[in-house]
Amino acid sequence: MMEAQEKKTKKPFFKRWWFISLVSVVILSMIISEDEDELCK
């Protein structure tokens, strides 16, 4: 296992800051748009 760690390790994409922020923005926009739809009815 030590040999694998010595090589350049890539983080899984879901642990990268830009992926987390992108998902957060998408989820927030979905929640906000759902709230606006309910208010308009």
N, C-alpha and C. Protein backbone atom coordinates (compact mmCIF):
# COMPACT_ATOMS: atom_id res chain seq x y z
N MET A 1 0.82 -1.20 0.00
CA MET A 1 0.00 0.00 0.00
C MET A 1 0.86 1.25 0.00
N MET A 2 1.99 1.20 0.62
CA MET A 2 2.86 2.38 0.66
C MET A 2 3.31 2.78 -0.74
N GLU A 3 3.50 1.81 -1.60
CA GLU A 3 3.93 2.11 -2.97
C GLU A 3 2.89 2.91 -3.71
N ALA A 4 1.63 2.60 -3.50
CA ALA A 4 0.55 3.32 -4.18
C ALA A 4 0.48 4.76 -3.69
N GLN A 5 0.77 4.99 -2.43
CA GLN A 5 0.70 6.34 -1.88
C GLN A 5 1.88 7.19 -2.34
N GLU A 6 3.00 6.56 -2.65
CA GLU A 6 4.16 7.32 -3.11
C GLU A 6 3.92 7.93 -4.48
N LYS A 7 3.13 7.26 -5.30
CA LYS A 7 2.80 7.81 -6.60
C LYS A 7 1.88 9.00 -6.44
N LYS A 8 1.76 9.80 -7.49
CA LYS A 8 0.88 10.97 -7.42
C LYS A 8 -0.56 10.50 -7.26
N THR A 9 -1.15 10.84 -6.12
CA THR A 9 -2.52 10.41 -5.85
C THR A 9 -3.49 11.50 -6.24
N LYS A 10 -4.55 11.09 -6.91
CA LYS A 10 -5.61 12.02 -7.28
C LYS A 10 -6.76 11.86 -6.30
N LYS A 11 -7.32 13.00 -5.88
CA LYS A 11 -8.49 12.94 -5.02
C LYS A 11 -9.68 12.51 -5.86
N PRO A 12 -10.62 11.81 -5.27
CA PRO A 12 -11.87 11.54 -5.98
C PRO A 12 -12.55 12.86 -6.32
N PHE A 13 -13.23 12.95 -7.46
CA PHE A 13 -13.78 14.22 -7.91
C PHE A 13 -14.77 14.81 -6.92
N PHE A 14 -15.44 13.96 -6.13
CA PHE A 14 -16.44 14.47 -5.20
C PHE A 14 -15.80 15.08 -3.94
N LYS A 15 -14.48 14.98 -3.80
CA LYS A 15 -13.81 15.60 -2.66
C LYS A 15 -13.13 16.91 -3.05
N ARG A 16 -13.23 17.30 -4.30
CA ARG A 16 -12.60 18.54 -4.72
C ARG A 16 -13.50 19.73 -4.42
N TRP A 17 -12.88 20.85 -4.06
CA TRP A 17 -13.65 22.02 -3.61
C TRP A 17 -14.58 22.53 -4.70
N TRP A 18 -14.14 22.50 -5.96
CA TRP A 18 -14.97 23.05 -7.04
C TRP A 18 -16.19 22.18 -7.30
N PHE A 19 -16.06 20.89 -7.09
CA PHE A 19 -17.21 20.00 -7.28
C PHE A 19 -18.23 20.21 -6.17
N ILE A 20 -17.75 20.33 -4.94
CA ILE A 20 -18.65 20.56 -3.81
C ILE A 20 -19.39 21.88 -3.97
N SER A 21 -18.67 22.93 -4.38
CA SER A 21 -19.33 24.22 -4.55
C SER A 21 -20.32 24.19 -5.71
N LEU A 22 -19.99 23.51 -6.78
CA LEU A 22 -20.91 23.41 -7.93
C LEU A 22 -22.19 22.69 -7.52
N VAL A 23 -22.07 21.58 -6.84
CA VAL A 23 -23.25 20.83 -6.40
C VAL A 23 -24.08 21.67 -5.43
N SER A 24 -23.43 22.40 -4.55
CA SER A 24 -24.15 23.26 -3.61
C SER A 24 -24.97 24.31 -4.33
N VAL A 25 -24.39 24.93 -5.33
CA VAL A 25 -25.10 25.96 -6.10
C VAL A 25 -26.29 25.36 -6.84
N VAL A 26 -26.11 24.20 -7.44
CA VAL A 26 -27.20 23.55 -8.16
C VAL A 26 -28.34 23.19 -7.21
N ILE A 27 -28.02 22.61 -6.08
CA ILE A 27 -29.06 22.22 -5.11
C ILE A 27 -29.78 23.45 -4.58
N LEU A 28 -29.04 24.49 -4.25
CA LEU A 28 -29.66 25.72 -3.75
C LEU A 28 -30.58 26.34 -4.80
N SER A 29 -30.15 26.36 -6.03
CA SER A 29 -30.99 26.94 -7.09
C SER A 29 -32.27 26.11 -7.29
N MET A 30 -32.17 24.79 -7.15
CA MET A 30 -33.36 23.95 -7.26
C MET A 30 -34.34 24.24 -6.13
N ILE A 31 -33.82 24.38 -4.92
CA ILE A 31 -34.67 24.67 -3.76
C ILE A 31 -35.34 26.04 -3.93
N ILE A 32 -34.58 27.03 -4.35
CA ILE A 32 -35.12 28.38 -4.52
C ILE A 32 -36.18 28.40 -5.61
N SER A 33 -35.94 27.71 -6.71
CA SER A 33 -36.92 27.71 -7.80
C SER A 33 -38.19 26.98 -7.38
N GLU A 34 -38.08 25.93 -6.58
CA GLU A 34 -39.27 25.23 -6.08
C GLU A 34 -40.08 26.14 -5.16
N ASP A 35 -39.40 26.89 -4.32
CA ASP A 35 -40.07 27.82 -3.41
C ASP A 35 -40.82 28.89 -4.20
N GLU A 36 -40.19 29.41 -5.26
CA GLU A 36 -40.84 30.45 -6.07
C GLU A 36 -42.07 29.89 -6.78
N ASP A 37 -42.00 28.65 -7.22
CA ASP A 37 -43.14 28.03 -7.89
C ASP A 37 -44.33 27.92 -6.93
N GLU A 38 -44.06 27.56 -5.69
CA GLU A 38 -45.14 27.42 -4.71
C GLU A 38 -45.73 28.78 -4.37
N LEU A 39 -44.92 29.82 -4.34
CA LEU A 39 -45.39 31.16 -4.01
C LEU A 39 -46.28 31.72 -5.14
N CYS A 40 -45.96 31.37 -6.36
CA CYS A 40 -46.69 31.89 -7.51
C CYS A 40 -48.08 31.26 -7.62
N LYS A 41 -48.26 30.06 -7.09
CA LYS A 41 -49.54 29.36 -7.23
C LYS A 41 -50.62 29.97 -6.35
